Amino acid sequence: MSVFPQFLDNPINGFEITLPKNGSIPISLSRPIPQGFSVKQVRVLSKARGTQWYVVVSIQSDVSVPDVPVHGRAIGIDLGLERFVTVSGGIVCRGGLRQENLPDLAPS
């Protein structure tokens, strides 16, 4: 695996990616980079003993995400080995992930 952590310019041009030390490499782009986003990191992975190569592109955008206003009450949930679920209010669930075994966590 090769990691290319930073790019000054967008390395993707049409159906080619330009990587340091490798130059331009043809790629099959599954979807276009959305407008307003820039390439943050590129990872090149080899599968099937070097016969198949994949390029994983991480993108970023400089948008501000507003904080979520607090509403209701917070609860803590612990998934454990001895007890399947223990909720901060003291509710304990011993069963598996079936709906009938899960406690009602809605605030009262």
PDB file of N, CA and C in Angstrom:
ATOM      1  N   MET A   1       0.848  -1.174   0.000  1.00  0.00           N
ATOM      2  CA  MET A   1       0.000   0.000   0.000  1.00  0.00           C
ATOM      3  C   MET A   1       0.894   1.238   0.000  1.00  0.00           C
ATOM      4  N   SER A   2       0.568   2.192  -0.836  1.00  0.00           N
ATOM      5  CA  SER A   2       1.263   3.478  -0.881  1.00  0.00           C
ATOM      6  C   SER A   2       0.279   4.564  -0.486  1.00  0.00           C
ATOM      7  N   VAL A   3       0.734   5.494   0.354  1.00  0.00           N
ATOM      8  CA  VAL A   3      -0.117   6.597   0.798  1.00  0.00           C
ATOM      9  C   VAL A   3       0.504   7.902   0.342  1.00  0.00           C
ATOM     10  N   PHE A   4      -0.302   8.734  -0.280  1.00  0.00           N
ATOM     11  CA  PHE A   4       0.103  10.062  -0.709  1.00  0.00           C
ATOM     12  C   PHE A   4      -0.743  11.049   0.085  1.00  0.00           C
ATOM     13  N   PRO A   5      -0.175  11.644   1.173  1.00  0.00           N
ATOM     14  CA  PRO A   5      -1.015  12.358   2.136  1.00  0.00           C
ATOM     15  C   PRO A   5      -1.451  13.767   1.761  1.00  0.00           C
ATOM     16  N   GLN A   6      -0.731  14.483   0.902  1.00  0.00           N
ATOM     17  CA  GLN A   6      -1.111  15.868   0.640  1.00  0.00           C
ATOM     18  C   GLN A   6      -0.927  16.216  -0.827  1.00  0.00           C
ATOM     19  N   PHE A   7      -1.831  17.037  -1.316  1.00  0.00           N
ATOM     20  CA  PHE A   7      -1.747  17.504  -2.707  1.00  0.00           C
ATOM     21  C   PHE A   7      -1.999  19.003  -2.739  1.00  0.00           C
ATOM     22  N   LEU A   8      -1.164  19.726  -3.487  1.00  0.00           N
ATOM     23  CA  LEU A   8      -1.392  21.162  -3.672  1.00  0.00           C
ATOM     24  C   LEU A   8      -2.461  21.395  -4.724  1.00  0.00           C
ATOM     25  N   ASP A   9      -2.465  20.563  -5.756  1.00  0.00           N
ATOM     26  CA  ASP A   9      -3.453  20.666  -6.833  1.00  0.00           C
ATOM     27  C   ASP A   9      -4.217  19.350  -6.913  1.00  0.00           C
ATOM     28  N   ASN A  10      -5.367  19.395  -7.549  1.00  0.00           N
ATOM     29  CA  ASN A  10      -6.173  18.190  -7.741  1.00  0.00           C
ATOM     30  C   ASN A  10      -5.409  17.203  -8.637  1.00  0.00           C
ATOM     31  N   PRO A  11      -5.100  15.986  -8.143  1.00  0.00           N
ATOM     32  CA  PRO A  11      -4.322  15.043  -8.954  1.00  0.00           C
ATOM     33  C   PRO A  11      -5.155  14.308 -10.000  1.00  0.00           C
ATOM     34  N   ILE A  12      -6.481  14.472  -9.963  1.00  0.00           N
ATOM     35  CA  ILE A  12      -7.354  13.758 -10.891  1.00  0.00           C
ATOM     36  C   ILE A  12      -7.719  14.688 -12.040  1.00  0.00           C
ATOM     37  N   ASN A  13      -7.432  14.234 -13.256  1.00  0.00           N
ATOM     38  CA  ASN A  13      -7.743  14.995 -14.461  1.00  0.00           C
ATOM     39  C   ASN A  13      -8.441  14.049 -15.433  1.00  0.00           C
ATOM     40  N   GLY A  14      -9.750  14.167 -15.514  1.00  0.00           N
ATOM     41  CA  GLY A  14     -10.512  13.254 -16.368  1.00  0.00           C
ATOM     42  C   GLY A  14     -10.446  11.846 -15.816  1.00  0.00           C
ATOM     43  N   PHE A  15      -9.857  10.941 -16.577  1.00  0.00           N
ATOM     44  CA  PHE A  15      -9.726   9.556 -16.137  1.00  0.00           C
ATOM     45  C   PHE A  15      -8.263   9.188 -15.914  1.00  0.00           C
ATOM     46  N   GLU A  16      -7.493  10.160 -15.391  1.00  0.00           N
ATOM     47  CA  GLU A  16      -6.099   9.940 -15.032  1.00  0.00           C
ATOM     48  C   GLU A  16      -5.848  10.528 -13.657  1.00  0.00           C
ATOM     49  N   ILE A  17      -4.949   9.901 -12.914  1.00  0.00           N
ATOM     50  CA  ILE A  17      -4.507  10.458 -11.645  1.00  0.00           C
ATOM     51  C   ILE A  17      -2.995  10.614 -11.722  1.00  0.00           C
ATOM     52  N   THR A  18      -2.480  11.761 -11.289  1.00  0.00           N
ATOM     53  CA  THR A  18      -1.050  12.034 -11.305  1.00  0.00           C
ATOM     54  C   THR A  18      -0.512  11.907  -9.893  1.00  0.00           C
ATOM     55  N   LEU A  19       0.379  10.940  -9.702  1.00  0.00           N
ATOM     56  CA  LEU A  19       0.947  10.669  -8.386  1.00  0.00           C
ATOM     57  C   LEU A  19       2.439  10.961  -8.402  1.00  0.00           C
ATOM     58  N   PRO A  20       2.985  11.470  -7.271  1.00  0.00           N
ATOM     59  CA  PRO A  20       4.427  11.704  -7.205  1.00  0.00           C
ATOM     60  C   PRO A  20       5.190  10.400  -7.443  1.00  0.00           C
ATOM     61  N   LYS A  21       6.274  10.460  -8.142  1.00  0.00           N
ATOM     62  CA  LYS A  21       7.170   9.343  -8.470  1.00  0.00           C
ATOM     63  C   LYS A  21       6.547   8.326  -9.434  1.00  0.00           C
ATOM     64  N   ASN A  22       5.226   8.378  -9.667  1.00  0.00           N
ATOM     65  CA  ASN A  22       4.572   7.419 -10.569  1.00  0.00           C
ATOM     66  C   ASN A  22       4.107   8.079 -11.862  1.00  0.00           C
ATOM     67  N   GLY A  23       3.872   9.374 -11.833  1.00  0.00           N
ATOM     68  CA  GLY A  23       3.371  10.074 -13.009  1.00  0.00           C
ATOM     69  C   GLY A  23       1.880   9.865 -13.197  1.00  0.00           C
ATOM     70  N   SER A  24       1.418  10.015 -14.425  1.00  0.00           N
ATOM     71  CA  SER A  24      -0.007   9.875 -14.734  1.00  0.00           C
ATOM     72  C   SER A  24      -0.366   8.404 -14.930  1.00  0.00           C
ATOM     73  N   ILE A  25      -1.442   7.993 -14.279  1.00  0.00           N
ATOM     74  CA  ILE A  25      -1.908   6.611 -14.343  1.00  0.00           C
ATOM     75  C   ILE A  25      -3.380   6.637 -14.735  1.00  0.00           C
ATOM     76  N   PRO A  26      -3.794   5.830 -15.714  1.00  0.00           N
ATOM     77  CA  PRO A  26      -5.217   5.797 -16.059  1.00  0.00           C
ATOM     78  C   PRO A  26      -6.032   5.141 -14.938  1.00  0.00           C
ATOM     79  N   ILE A  27      -7.206   5.703 -14.673  1.00  0.00           N
ATOM     80  CA  ILE A  27      -8.085   5.150 -13.643  1.00  0.00           C
ATOM     81  C   ILE A  27      -9.510   5.041 -14.184  1.00  0.00           C
ATOM     82  N   SER A  28     -10.300   4.227 -13.537  1.00  0.00           N
ATOM     83  CA  SER A  28     -11.730   4.126 -13.807  1.00  0.00           C
ATOM     84  C   SER A  28     -12.436   4.802 -12.644  1.00  0.00           C
ATOM     85  N   LEU A  29     -12.868   6.023 -12.857  1.00  0.00           N
ATOM     86  CA  LEU A  29     -13.467   6.831 -11.791  1.00  0.00           C
ATOM     87  C   LEU A  29     -14.907   6.390 -11.567  1.00  0.00           C
ATOM     88  N   SER A  30     -15.227   5.919 -10.340  1.00  0.00           N
ATOM     89  CA  SER A  30     -16.579   5.431 -10.070  1.00  0.00           C
ATOM     90  C   SER A  30     -17.589   6.571  -9.963  1.00  0.00           C
ATOM     91  N   ARG A  31     -17.138   7.735  -9.490  1.00  0.00           N
ATOM     92  CA  ARG A  31     -18.003   8.920  -9.438  1.00  0.00           C
ATOM     93  C   ARG A  31     -17.129  10.158  -9.413  1.00  0.00           C
ATOM     94  N   PRO A  32     -17.625  11.268  -9.923  1.00  0.00           N
ATOM     95  CA  PRO A  32     -16.802  12.483  -9.964  1.00  0.00           C
ATOM     96  C   PRO A  32     -16.615  13.078  -8.566  1.00  0.00           C
ATOM     97  N   ILE A  33     -15.542  13.836  -8.415  1.00  0.00           N
ATOM     98  CA  ILE A  33     -15.304  14.574  -7.169  1.00  0.00           C
ATOM     99  C   ILE A  33     -16.332  15.704  -7.127  1.00  0.00           C
ATOM    100  N   PRO A  34     -17.125  15.809  -6.043  1.00  0.00           N
ATOM    101  CA  PRO A  34     -18.141  16.870  -5.979  1.00  0.00           C
ATOM    102  C   PRO A  34     -17.516  18.260  -6.019  1.00  0.00           C
ATOM    103  N   GLN A  35     -18.229  19.190  -6.597  1.00  0.00           N
ATOM    104  CA  GLN A  35     -17.757  20.567  -6.686  1.00  0.00           C
ATOM    105  C   GLN A  35     -17.607  21.144  -5.280  1.00  0.00           C
ATOM    106  N   GLY A  36     -16.530  21.863  -5.052  1.00  0.00           N
ATOM    107  CA  GLY A  36     -16.271  22.449  -3.743  1.00  0.00           C
ATOM    108  C   GLY A  36     -15.417  21.562  -2.851  1.00  0.00           C
ATOM    109  N   PHE A  37     -15.117  20.343  -3.288  1.00  0.00           N
ATOM    110  CA  PHE A  37     -14.284  19.432  -2.518  1.00  0.00           C
ATOM    111  C   PHE A  37     -12.898  19.364  -3.134  1.00  0.00           C
ATOM    112  N   SER A  38     -11.906  19.048  -2.318  1.00  0.00           N
ATOM    113  CA  SER A  38     -10.545  18.869  -2.812  1.00  0.00           C
ATOM    114  C   SER A  38     -10.019  17.517  -2.331  1.00  0.00           C
ATOM    115  N   VAL A  39      -9.044  16.997  -3.046  1.00  0.00           N
ATOM    116  CA  VAL A  39      -8.459  15.708  -2.685  1.00  0.00           C
ATOM    117  C   VAL A  39      -7.555  15.911  -1.485  1.00  0.00           C
ATOM    118  N   LYS A  40      -7.806  15.148  -0.436  1.00  0.00           N
ATOM    119  CA  LYS A  40      -7.025  15.244   0.791  1.00  0.00           C
ATOM    120  C   LYS A  40      -5.912  14.201   0.813  1.00  0.00           C
ATOM    121  N   GLN A  41      -6.236  12.975   0.425  1.00  0.00           N
ATOM    122  CA  GLN A  41      -5.262  11.886   0.491  1.00  0.00           C
ATOM    123  C   GLN A  41      -5.589  10.846  -0.571  1.00  0.00           C
ATOM    124  N   VAL A  42      -4.564  10.159  -1.049  1.00  0.00           N
ATOM    125  CA  VAL A  42      -4.746   9.067  -2.006  1.00  0.00           C
ATOM    126  C   VAL A  42      -3.990   7.853  -1.478  1.00  0.00           C
ATOM    127  N   ARG A  43      -4.666   6.698  -1.466  1.00  0.00           N
ATOM    128  CA  ARG A  43      -4.024   5.432  -1.111  1.00  0.00           C
ATOM    129  C   ARG A  43      -4.102   4.493  -2.310  1.00  0.00           C
ATOM    130  N   VAL A  44      -3.015   3.850  -2.622  1.00  0.00           N
ATOM    131  CA  VAL A  44      -2.980   2.877  -3.708  1.00  0.00           C
ATOM    132  C   VAL A  44      -2.849   1.502  -3.072  1.00  0.00           C
ATOM    133  N   LEU A  45      -3.833   0.626  -3.335  1.00  0.00           N
ATOM    134  CA  LEU A  45      -3.883  -0.708  -2.745  1.00  0.00           C
ATOM    135  C   LEU A  45      -3.751  -1.766  -3.826  1.00  0.00           C
ATOM    136  N   SER A  46      -3.097  -2.855  -3.478  1.00  0.00           N
ATOM    137  CA  SER A  46      -2.969  -3.987  -4.391  1.00  0.00           C
ATOM    138  C   SER A  46      -3.746  -5.159  -3.825  1.00  0.00           C
ATOM    139  N   LYS A  47      -4.587  -5.758  -4.640  1.00  0.00           N
ATOM    140  CA  LYS A  47      -5.345  -6.951  -4.236  1.00  0.00           C
ATOM    141  C   LYS A  47      -4.982  -8.079  -5.189  1.00  0.00           C
ATOM    142  N   ALA A  48      -5.237  -9.276  -4.788  1.00  0.00           N
ATOM    143  CA  ALA A  48      -4.996 -10.472  -5.603  1.00  0.00           C
ATOM    144  C   ALA A  48      -3.531 -10.552  -6.050  1.00  0.00           C
ATOM    145  N   ARG A  49      -2.624 -10.383  -5.090  1.00  0.00           N
ATOM    146  CA  ARG A  49      -1.180 -10.533  -5.331  1.00  0.00           C
ATOM    147  C   ARG A  49      -0.638  -9.651  -6.454  1.00  0.00           C
ATOM    148  N   GLY A  50      -1.060  -8.411  -6.452  1.00  0.00           N
ATOM    149  CA  GLY A  50      -0.514  -7.448  -7.398  1.00  0.00           C
ATOM    150  C   GLY A  50      -1.127  -7.462  -8.783  1.00  0.00           C
ATOM    151  N   THR A  51      -2.202  -8.239  -8.973  1.00  0.00           N
ATOM    152  CA  THR A  51      -2.832  -8.264 -10.294  1.00  0.00           C
ATOM    153  C   THR A  51      -3.964  -7.251 -10.404  1.00  0.00           C
ATOM    154  N   GLN A  52      -4.474  -6.785  -9.267  1.00  0.00           N
ATOM    155  CA  GLN A  52      -5.537  -5.775  -9.265  1.00  0.00           C
ATOM    156  C   GLN A  52      -5.096  -4.620  -8.374  1.00  0.00           C
ATOM    157  N   TRP A  53      -5.245  -3.406  -8.878  1.00  0.00           N
ATOM    158  CA  TRP A  53      -4.849  -2.219  -8.135  1.00  0.00           C
ATOM    159  C   TRP A  53      -6.048  -1.311  -7.950  1.00  0.00           C
ATOM    160  N   TYR A  54      -6.139  -0.697  -6.775  1.00  0.00           N
ATOM    161  CA  TYR A  54      -7.241   0.204  -6.446  1.00  0.00           C
ATOM    162  C   TYR A  54      -6.673   1.508  -5.914  1.00  0.00           C
ATOM    163  N   VAL A  55      -7.327   2.602  -6.248  1.00  0.00           N
ATOM    164  CA  VAL A  55      -6.968   3.913  -5.723  1.00  0.00           C
ATOM    165  C   VAL A  55      -8.123   4.389  -4.855  1.00  0.00           C
ATOM    166  N   VAL A  56      -7.833   4.652  -3.591  1.00  0.00           N
ATOM    167  CA  VAL A  56      -8.829   5.161  -2.643  1.00  0.00           C
ATOM    168  C   VAL A  56      -8.548   6.641  -2.440  1.00  0.00           C
ATOM    169  N   VAL A  57      -9.513   7.489  -2.756  1.00  0.00           N
ATOM    170  CA  VAL A  57      -9.340   8.941  -2.684  1.00  0.00           C
ATOM    171  C   VAL A  57     -10.168   9.487  -1.532  1.00  0.00           C
ATOM    172  N   SER A  58      -9.504  10.181  -0.597  1.00  0.00           N
ATOM    173  CA  SER A  58     -10.198  10.875   0.491  1.00  0.00           C
ATOM    174  C   SER A  58     -10.344  12.335   0.087  1.00  0.00           C
ATOM    175  N   ILE A  59     -11.542  12.886   0.267  1.00  0.00           N
ATOM    176  CA  ILE A  59     -11.787  14.276  -0.123  1.00  0.00           C
ATOM    177  C   ILE A  59     -12.203  15.089   1.096  1.00  0.00           C
ATOM    178  N   GLN A  60     -12.086  16.401   0.979  1.00  0.00           N
ATOM    179  CA  GLN A  60     -12.488  17.286   2.073  1.00  0.00           C
ATOM    180  C   GLN A  60     -13.105  18.551   1.503  1.00  0.00           C
ATOM    181  N   SER A  61     -13.879  19.214   2.355  1.00  0.00           N
ATOM    182  CA  SER A  61     -14.491  20.485   1.985  1.00  0.00           C
ATOM    183  C   SER A  61     -14.403  21.422   3.182  1.00  0.00           C
ATOM    184  N   ASP A  62     -14.211  22.673   2.911  1.00  0.00           N
ATOM    185  CA  ASP A  62     -14.126  23.661   3.981  1.00  0.00           C
ATOM    186  C   ASP A  62     -15.506  24.249   4.266  1.00  0.00           C
ATOM    187  N   VAL A  63     -16.377  23.439   4.836  1.00  0.00           N
ATOM    188  CA  VAL A  63     -17.701  23.905   5.221  1.00  0.00           C
ATOM    189  C   VAL A  63     -17.779  23.875   6.737  1.00  0.00           C
ATOM    190  N   SER A  64     -18.562  24.761   7.283  1.00  0.00           N
ATOM    191  CA  SER A  64     -18.750  24.763   8.734  1.00  0.00           C
ATOM    192  C   SER A  64     -20.009  23.967   9.063  1.00  0.00           C
ATOM    193  N   VAL A  65     -19.861  23.048   9.967  1.00  0.00           N
ATOM    194  CA  VAL A  65     -20.982  22.215  10.397  1.00  0.00           C
ATOM    195  C   VAL A  65     -21.472  22.765  11.728  1.00  0.00           C
ATOM    196  N   PRO A  66     -22.729  23.183  11.809  1.00  0.00           N
ATOM    197  CA  PRO A  66     -23.218  23.748  13.060  1.00  0.00           C
ATOM    198  C   PRO A  66     -23.313  22.683  14.142  1.00  0.00           C
ATOM    199  N   ASP A  67     -23.139  23.129  15.383  1.00  0.00           N
ATOM    200  CA  ASP A  67     -23.299  22.214  16.511  1.00  0.00           C
ATOM    201  C   ASP A  67     -24.760  21.807  16.629  1.00  0.00           C
ATOM    202  N   VAL A  68     -24.967  20.571  17.033  1.00  0.00           N
ATOM    203  CA  VAL A  68     -26.326  20.065  17.225  1.00  0.00           C
ATOM    204  C   VAL A  68     -26.826  20.565  18.573  1.00  0.00           C
ATOM    205  N   PRO A  69     -27.992  21.229  18.600  1.00  0.00           N
ATOM    206  CA  PRO A  69     -28.501  21.701  19.886  1.00  0.00           C
ATOM    207  C   PRO A  69     -28.882  20.517  20.774  1.00  0.00           C
ATOM    208  N   VAL A  70     -28.633  20.688  22.059  1.00  0.00           N
ATOM    209  CA  VAL A  70     -28.961  19.640  23.025  1.00  0.00           C
ATOM    210  C   VAL A  70     -30.472  19.562  23.169  1.00  0.00           C
ATOM    211  N   HIS A  71     -30.997  18.362  23.116  1.00  0.00           N
ATOM    212  CA  HIS A  71     -32.424  18.164  23.324  1.00  0.00           C
ATOM    213  C   HIS A  71     -32.621  16.837  24.038  1.00  0.00           C
ATOM    214  N   GLY A  72     -33.597  16.783  24.906  1.00  0.00           N
ATOM    215  CA  GLY A  72     -33.854  15.552  25.655  1.00  0.00           C
ATOM    216  C   GLY A  72     -32.772  15.323  26.688  1.00  0.00           C
ATOM    217  N   ARG A  73     -32.667  14.094  27.141  1.00  0.00           N
ATOM    218  CA  ARG A  73     -31.620  13.779  28.106  1.00  0.00           C
ATOM    219  C   ARG A  73     -30.659  12.783  27.478  1.00  0.00           C
ATOM    220  N   ALA A  74     -29.409  12.881  27.880  1.00  0.00           N
ATOM    221  CA  ALA A  74     -28.397  11.981  27.347  1.00  0.00           C
ATOM    222  C   ALA A  74     -28.427  10.656  28.097  1.00  0.00           C
ATOM    223  N   ILE A  75     -28.150   9.587  27.371  1.00  0.00           N
ATOM    224  CA  ILE A  75     -28.043   8.276  28.005  1.00  0.00           C
ATOM    225  C   ILE A  75     -26.708   7.654  27.611  1.00  0.00           C
ATOM    226  N   GLY A  76     -26.233   6.751  28.436  1.00  0.00           N
ATOM    227  CA  GLY A  76     -25.022   6.009  28.119  1.00  0.00           C
ATOM    228  C   GLY A  76     -25.388   4.548  27.927  1.00  0.00           C
ATOM    229  N   ILE A  77     -24.784   3.917  26.934  1.00  0.00           N
ATOM    230  CA  ILE A  77     -25.072   2.515  26.654  1.00  0.00           C
ATOM    231  C   ILE A  77     -23.744   1.765  26.642  1.00  0.00           C
ATOM    232  N   ASP A  78     -23.691   0.655  27.405  1.00  0.00           N
ATOM    233  CA  ASP A  78     -22.493  -0.163  27.472  1.00  0.00           C
ATOM    234  C   ASP A  78     -22.824  -1.549  26.945  1.00  0.00           C
ATOM    235  N   LEU A  79     -22.135  -1.954  25.853  1.00  0.00           N
ATOM    236  CA  LEU A  79     -22.280  -3.307  25.334  1.00  0.00           C
ATOM    237  C   LEU A  79     -21.189  -4.144  25.970  1.00  0.00           C
ATOM    238  N   GLY A  80     -21.597  -5.210  26.686  1.00  0.00           N
ATOM    239  CA  GLY A  80     -20.609  -5.991  27.415  1.00  0.00           C
ATOM    240  C   GLY A  80     -20.699  -7.468  27.134  1.00  0.00           C
ATOM    241  N   LEU A  81     -19.886  -8.227  27.869  1.00  0.00           N
ATOM    242  CA  LEU A  81     -19.844  -9.667  27.709  1.00  0.00           C
ATOM    243  C   LEU A  81     -20.792 -10.376  28.667  1.00  0.00           C
ATOM    244  N   GLU A  82     -20.826  -9.943  29.939  1.00  0.00           N
ATOM    245  CA  GLU A  82     -21.692 -10.597  30.918  1.00  0.00           C
ATOM    246  C   GLU A  82     -23.151 -10.204  30.715  1.00  0.00           C
ATOM    247  N   ARG A  83     -23.376  -8.940  30.486  1.00  0.00           N
ATOM    248  CA  ARG A  83     -24.720  -8.439  30.188  1.00  0.00           C
ATOM    249  C   ARG A  83     -24.647  -7.803  28.818  1.00  0.00           C
ATOM    250  N   PHE A  84     -25.610  -8.115  27.975  1.00  0.00           N
ATOM    251  CA  PHE A  84     -25.556  -7.636  26.592  1.00  0.00           C
ATOM    252  C   PHE A  84     -25.555  -6.121  26.524  1.00  0.00           C
ATOM    253  N   VAL A  85     -26.528  -5.476  27.205  1.00  0.00           N
ATOM    254  CA  VAL A  85     -26.616  -4.014  27.209  1.00  0.00           C
ATOM    255  C   VAL A  85     -26.926  -3.549  28.618  1.00  0.00           C
ATOM    256  N   THR A  86     -26.177  -2.527  29.066  1.00  0.00           N
ATOM    257  CA  THR A  86     -26.499  -1.845  30.311  1.00  0.00           C
ATOM    258  C   THR A  86     -26.641  -0.372  29.979  1.00  0.00           C
ATOM    259  N   VAL A  87     -27.788   0.206  30.329  1.00  0.00           N
ATOM    260  CA  VAL A  87     -28.080   1.603  30.022  1.00  0.00           C
ATOM    261  C   VAL A  87     -27.847   2.422  31.282  1.00  0.00           C
ATOM    262  N   SER A  88     -27.460   3.712  31.133  1.00  0.00           N
ATOM    263  CA  SER A  88     -27.122   4.556  32.273  1.00  0.00           C
ATOM    264  C   SER A  88     -28.248   4.670  33.296  1.00  0.00           C
ATOM    265  N   GLY A  89     -29.486   4.465  32.896  1.00  0.00           N
ATOM    266  CA  GLY A  89     -30.599   4.519  33.838  1.00  0.00           C
ATOM    267  C   GLY A  89     -30.750   3.248  34.668  1.00  0.00           C
ATOM    268  N   GLY A  90     -29.852   2.263  34.473  1.00  0.00           N
ATOM    269  CA  GLY A  90     -29.897   1.032  35.244  1.00  0.00           C
ATOM    270  C   GLY A  90     -30.605  -0.110  34.540  1.00  0.00           C
ATOM    271  N   ILE A  91     -31.125   0.096  33.352  1.00  0.00           N
ATOM    272  CA  ILE A  91     -31.812  -0.958  32.608  1.00  0.00           C
ATOM    273  C   ILE A  91     -30.768  -1.933  32.075  1.00  0.00           C
ATOM    274  N   VAL A  92     -31.015  -3.232  32.271  1.00  0.00           N
ATOM    275  CA  VAL A  92     -30.101  -4.272  31.823  1.00  0.00           C
ATOM    276  C   VAL A  92     -30.836  -5.179  30.848  1.00  0.00           C
ATOM    277  N   CYS A  93     -30.197  -5.513  29.747  1.00  0.00           N
ATOM    278  CA  CYS A  93     -30.762  -6.417  28.756  1.00  0.00           C
ATOM    279  C   CYS A  93     -29.809  -7.591  28.617  1.00  0.00           C
ATOM    280  N   ARG A  94     -30.301  -8.810  28.871  1.00  0.00           N
ATOM    281  CA  ARG A  94     -29.445  -9.979  28.849  1.00  0.00           C
ATOM    282  C   ARG A  94     -29.478 -10.719  27.508  1.00  0.00           C
ATOM    283  N   GLY A  95     -30.437 -10.444  26.644  1.00  0.00           N
ATOM    284  CA  GLY A  95     -30.618 -11.208  25.409  1.00  0.00           C
ATOM    285  C   GLY A  95     -29.753 -10.704  24.272  1.00  0.00           C
ATOM    286  N   GLY A  96     -30.038 -11.211  23.075  1.00  0.00           N
ATOM    287  CA  GLY A  96     -29.317 -10.817  21.872  1.00  0.00           C
ATOM    288  C   GLY A  96     -29.905  -9.575  21.237  1.00  0.00           C
ATOM    289  N   LEU A  97     -29.653  -9.388  19.973  1.00  0.00           N
ATOM    290  CA  LEU A  97     -30.086  -8.191  19.263  1.00  0.00           C
ATOM    291  C   LEU A  97     -31.502  -8.285  18.714  1.00  0.00           C
ATOM    292  N   ARG A  98     -32.311  -9.149  19.237  1.00  0.00           N
ATOM    293  CA  ARG A  98     -33.703  -9.224  18.781  1.00  0.00           C
ATOM    294  C   ARG A  98     -34.496  -8.078  19.403  1.00  0.00           C
ATOM    295  N   GLN A  99     -35.444  -7.551  18.679  1.00  0.00           N
ATOM    296  CA  GLN A  99     -36.224  -6.384  19.106  1.00  0.00           C
ATOM    297  C   GLN A  99     -36.909  -6.615  20.452  1.00  0.00           C
ATOM    298  N   GLU A 100     -37.419  -7.814  20.669  1.00  0.00           N
ATOM    299  CA  GLU A 100     -38.153  -8.069  21.916  1.00  0.00           C
ATOM    300  C   GLU A 100     -37.232  -8.095  23.135  1.00  0.00           C
ATOM    301  N   ASN A 101     -35.920  -8.238  22.940  1.00  0.00           N
ATOM    302  CA  ASN A 101     -34.982  -8.253  24.063  1.00  0.00           C
ATOM    303  C   ASN A 101     -34.432  -6.873  24.402  1.00  0.00           C
ATOM    304  N   LEU A 102     -34.661  -5.881  23.539  1.00  0.00           N
ATOM    305  CA  LEU A 102     -34.105  -4.566  23.754  1.00  0.00           C
ATOM    306  C   LEU A 102     -35.027  -3.734  24.632  1.00  0.00           C
ATOM    307  N   PRO A 103     -34.475  -2.983  25.602  1.00  0.00           N
ATOM    308  CA  PRO A 103     -35.316  -2.139  26.459  1.00  0.00           C
ATOM    309  C   PRO A 103     -35.811  -0.912  25.706  1.00  0.00           C
ATOM    310  N   ASP A 104     -36.895  -0.324  26.187  1.00  0.00           N
ATOM    311  CA  ASP A 104     -37.413   0.910  25.614  1.00  0.00           C
ATOM    312  C   ASP A 104     -36.580   2.050  26.158  1.00  0.00           C
ATOM    313  N   LEU A 105     -35.839   2.763  25.317  1.00  0.00           N
ATOM    314  CA  LEU A 105     -34.923   3.816  25.761  1.00  0.00           C
ATOM    315  C   LEU A 105     -35.523   5.209  25.617  1.00  0.00           C
ATOM    316  N   ALA A 106     -36.790   5.283  25.246  1.00  0.00           N
ATOM    317  CA  ALA A 106     -37.436   6.585  25.077  1.00  0.00           C
ATOM    318  C   ALA A 106     -37.563   7.277  26.424  1.00  0.00           C
ATOM    319  N   PRO A 107     -37.281   8.601  26.490  1.00  0.00           N
ATOM    320  CA  PRO A 107     -37.429   9.313  27.751  1.00  0.00           C
ATOM    321  C   PRO A 107     -38.876   9.337  28.212  1.00  0.00           C
ATOM    322  N   SER A 108     -39.035   9.229  29.528  1.00  0.00           N
ATOM    323  CA  SER A 108     -40.403   9.228  30.064  1.00  0.00           C
ATOM    324  C   SER A 108     -40.824  10.576  30.569  1.00  0.00           C
TER     325      SER A 108
END
